[in-house]
Protein backbone atom coordinates (compact mmCIF):
# COMPACT_ATOMS: atom_id res chain seq x y z
CA MET A 1 7.03 112.69 94.90
CA LEU A 2 10.63 112.21 96.13
CA ASP A 3 11.44 113.14 99.70
CA ALA A 4 14.46 115.18 98.45
CA GLN A 5 12.13 117.46 96.50
CA LEU A 6 9.74 118.30 99.30
CA GLN A 7 9.48 121.95 100.12
CA ARG A 8 8.56 123.12 103.58
CA ASP A 9 8.23 126.74 104.72
CA GLY A 10 9.85 128.06 101.50
CA ARG A 11 13.06 126.00 101.96
CA TRP A 12 14.05 122.88 100.11
CA ILE A 13 14.66 119.83 102.19
CA LEU A 14 17.69 118.27 100.53
CA VAL A 15 17.73 114.97 102.29
CA GLN A 16 15.08 113.15 104.23
CA ARG A 17 16.72 109.78 103.97
CA PRO A 18 20.48 109.05 103.97
CA ALA A 19 20.14 106.31 101.31
CA VAL A 20 18.60 108.75 98.79
CA PHE A 21 21.40 111.24 99.48
CA ALA A 22 24.12 108.58 99.03
CA VAL A 23 22.64 107.42 95.69
CA ALA A 24 22.39 111.04 94.49
CA LEU A 25 26.06 111.68 95.36
CA LEU A 26 27.13 108.51 93.60
CA LEU A 27 25.25 109.49 90.43
CA VAL A 28 26.81 112.97 90.46
CA ALA A 29 30.29 111.49 90.93
CA ILE A 30 29.85 108.97 88.11
CA GLY A 31 28.24 111.50 85.81
CA GLY A 32 31.12 113.93 86.33
CA CYS A 33 33.77 111.52 85.05
CA ASP A 34 35.20 112.66 81.72
CA SER A 35 36.11 109.18 80.57
CA VAL A 36 32.49 108.03 80.28
CA GLY A 37 31.53 108.04 76.61
CA SER A 38 34.83 109.44 75.28
CA ASP A 39 36.87 107.73 72.59
CA ALA A 40 40.24 106.24 73.39
CA ASP A 41 41.71 108.10 70.40
CA ASP A 42 40.67 111.56 71.64
CA SER A 43 43.71 113.70 72.39
CA PRO A 44 43.60 115.89 75.51
CA ASN A 45 42.84 119.59 75.07
CA TYR A 46 45.72 120.67 77.29
CA THR A 47 49.51 120.73 77.06
CA THR A 48 51.98 119.03 79.35
CA GLU A 49 54.95 121.19 78.35
CA VAL A 50 56.60 122.87 81.32
CA ALA A 51 59.11 125.69 81.08
CA THR A 52 62.26 124.76 82.97
CA GLN A 53 65.65 126.31 83.63
CA THR A 54 68.68 124.05 83.88
CA LEU A 55 70.97 125.18 86.67
CA LYS A 56 74.73 124.82 86.64
CA ALA A 57 76.08 122.19 88.97
CA ASP A 58 78.62 124.63 90.38
CA GLY A 59 76.98 127.38 92.38
CA VAL A 60 77.76 131.05 92.75
CA ASP A 61 80.11 131.99 95.60
CA LEU A 62 78.41 133.55 98.62
CA ASP A 63 80.22 134.99 101.65
CA GLN A 64 78.23 135.70 104.82
CA ILE A 65 78.90 139.21 106.15
CA ASP A 66 76.30 139.52 108.94
CA LYS A 67 73.81 137.35 110.78
CA GLY A 68 71.63 137.90 113.80
CA GLN A 69 68.43 137.20 115.71
CA TYR A 70 67.24 140.71 116.50
CA GLY A 71 66.82 142.64 113.26
CA ASN A 72 64.54 145.64 113.45
CA ILE A 73 62.62 144.74 110.25
CA VAL A 74 59.46 142.99 111.47
CA ASP A 75 57.73 142.41 108.11
CA GLY A 76 60.62 140.46 106.62
CA THR A 77 62.24 140.90 103.24
CA ARG A 78 64.30 139.18 100.59
CA ALA A 79 66.45 141.51 98.54
CA VAL A 80 69.49 141.81 96.32
CA LEU A 81 71.26 145.10 97.06
CA ARG A 82 73.22 146.40 94.06
CA ASN A 83 74.75 149.62 95.38
CA GLN A 84 76.07 151.29 98.53
CA THR A 85 72.93 153.43 99.03
CA GLU A 86 70.54 150.42 99.04
CA TYR A 87 72.92 148.56 101.34
CA GLU A 88 73.26 151.40 103.84
CA GLU A 89 69.47 151.98 103.91
CA LEU A 90 68.73 148.32 104.67
CA TRP A 91 71.57 148.20 107.21
CA ALA A 92 70.21 151.28 109.02
CA ASP A 93 66.67 149.79 109.09
CA LEU A 94 67.98 146.41 110.25
CA HIS A 95 69.91 147.94 113.18
CA ALA A 96 67.62 150.91 113.97
CA ASP A 97 66.69 149.53 117.40
CA LYS A 98 70.26 149.88 118.66
CA SER A 99 71.46 153.03 120.43
CA THR A 100 74.37 153.23 117.97
CA VAL A 101 74.05 151.71 114.51
CA PRO A 102 77.27 149.77 113.77
CA ALA A 103 79.13 150.51 110.53
CA PRO A 104 78.25 148.00 107.81
CA PRO A 105 80.95 145.64 106.54
CA SER A 106 82.72 147.01 103.47
CA VAL A 107 81.47 145.69 100.10
CA ASP A 108 82.94 146.34 96.64
CA PHE A 109 79.78 146.86 94.59
CA GLY A 110 81.86 146.89 91.39
CA SER A 111 82.32 143.13 91.73
CA LYS A 112 79.68 142.03 94.26
CA VAL A 113 76.05 142.43 95.34
CA VAL A 114 74.57 141.83 98.79
CA VAL A 115 71.87 139.20 99.30
CA ALA A 116 69.68 140.04 102.32
CA ILE A 117 67.14 137.69 103.88
CA VAL A 118 65.17 138.90 106.90
CA LEU A 119 62.56 136.43 108.16
CA GLY A 120 60.48 139.04 109.94
CA GLU A 121 59.03 138.83 113.42
CA ARG A 122 59.04 135.39 115.04
CA PRO A 123 57.47 134.48 118.42
CA ASN A 124 60.60 133.16 120.15
CA GLY A 125 64.37 132.78 120.04
CA GLY A 126 64.35 129.35 118.39
CA TYR A 127 64.34 130.66 114.82
CA SER A 128 67.29 131.38 112.53
CA VAL A 129 68.06 131.63 108.81
CA GLU A 130 70.91 130.29 106.65
CA ILE A 131 71.70 130.93 102.99
CA ASP A 132 72.39 127.50 101.51
CA GLY A 133 73.64 128.56 98.08
CA ALA A 134 72.92 130.22 94.78
CA GLN A 135 72.78 128.76 91.30
CA VAL A 136 72.68 130.40 87.89
CA SER A 137 70.80 129.04 84.88
CA GLU A 138 72.93 127.77 81.99
CA ASP A 139 72.03 130.79 79.87
CA GLY A 140 72.94 133.14 82.76
CA ASP A 141 69.49 134.79 82.78
CA GLN A 142 68.24 133.47 86.13
CA THR A 143 69.75 133.12 89.60
CA ARG A 144 68.09 131.06 92.33
CA ILE A 145 69.08 131.68 95.95
CA GLN A 146 68.27 128.85 98.35
CA PHE A 147 67.82 129.54 102.05
CA THR A 148 66.65 127.56 105.09
CA GLU A 149 64.54 128.82 107.96
CA LYS A 150 65.37 126.84 111.08
CA VAL A 151 62.39 126.50 113.41
CA PRO A 152 62.39 125.39 117.06
CA GLY A 153 61.66 121.76 117.81
CA CYS A 154 61.40 122.36 121.55
CA ALA A 155 61.12 125.15 124.12
CA ALA A 156 62.97 128.38 123.32
CA THR A 157 63.37 131.79 124.91
CA GLN A 158 60.08 133.67 124.86
CA VAL A 159 61.14 136.88 123.14
CA LEU A 160 60.18 138.38 119.78
CA THR A 161 62.95 138.01 117.23
CA SER A 162 63.55 138.87 113.56
CA PRO A 163 66.34 136.60 112.30
CA TYR A 164 68.39 137.77 109.32
CA VAL A 165 71.44 136.97 107.24
CA LEU A 166 73.42 139.07 104.74
CA ALA A 167 75.93 137.67 102.24
CA THR A 168 77.89 138.97 99.28
CA MET A 169 77.55 137.34 95.87
CA ASP A 170 79.90 137.80 92.90
CA ARG A 171 78.61 139.90 90.02
CA GLY A 172 81.15 138.42 87.62
CA GLY A 173 80.82 135.49 85.25
CA ALA A 174 77.41 133.97 84.56
CA ALA A 175 75.79 135.79 87.47
CA ALA A 176 76.38 139.23 85.88
CA ALA A 177 73.40 138.89 83.54
CA ALA A 178 71.18 137.57 86.31
CA ILE A 179 71.23 140.61 88.57
CA GLY A 180 68.05 142.18 87.14
CA ASP A 181 64.91 142.47 89.28
CA ASP A 182 63.03 139.61 87.60
CA ALA A 183 66.07 137.38 87.29
CA ILE A 184 66.53 136.59 91.01
CA THR A 185 64.31 134.08 92.76
CA PHE A 186 64.44 132.86 96.34
CA GLU A 187 63.77 129.24 97.30
CA HIS A 188 62.68 128.78 100.92
CA SER A 189 62.94 125.56 102.89
CA GLU A 190 62.27 124.84 106.54
CA GLN A 191 64.18 122.67 108.97
CA THR A 192 63.24 121.80 112.56
CA ARG A 193 66.07 122.57 114.97
CA SER A 194 67.23 119.65 117.12
CA CYS A 195 66.61 119.88 120.87
CA THR A 196 69.80 118.02 121.78
CA ASN A 197 72.19 120.96 121.23
């Protein structure tokens, strides 16, 4: 009887000897290979087609209208605001911790939308966020907004922050069709802040 099959006190003893265990693992690994015993002419039962969107080389114009470290939204958000009401609600939430909420910058929602990125609560003052750009697919159905979260590479002030940035984006041209809820995607990257500044 094999040592690996011994049963003691109602429990199986899987390995009594390391050599038996190693041989068993090797057999399982070899037996699990799909190429063993298959013909070279067999075609795979999966597809390698990937849906892609070609983006225009020229991006959509973005103009930063507000940026800060101490937003009052601690959970973070990424949003495209399409009207004055949405904009004023987010603005009020973002600045709710201030004794007087400042007036939001004026935006013409007939020709623009507001892109808002709030990172949410961070453990220190070394974090910030930048919108790098926006690109629209060739068919105008998708818009991708790229942003970078800058993280501290050294000691920073020990205070809770919630970095944010707001920017306007043109509605016109190819971006007009890409303002629907499912048509906007956000692409996040991270960059470590230099300690030499």
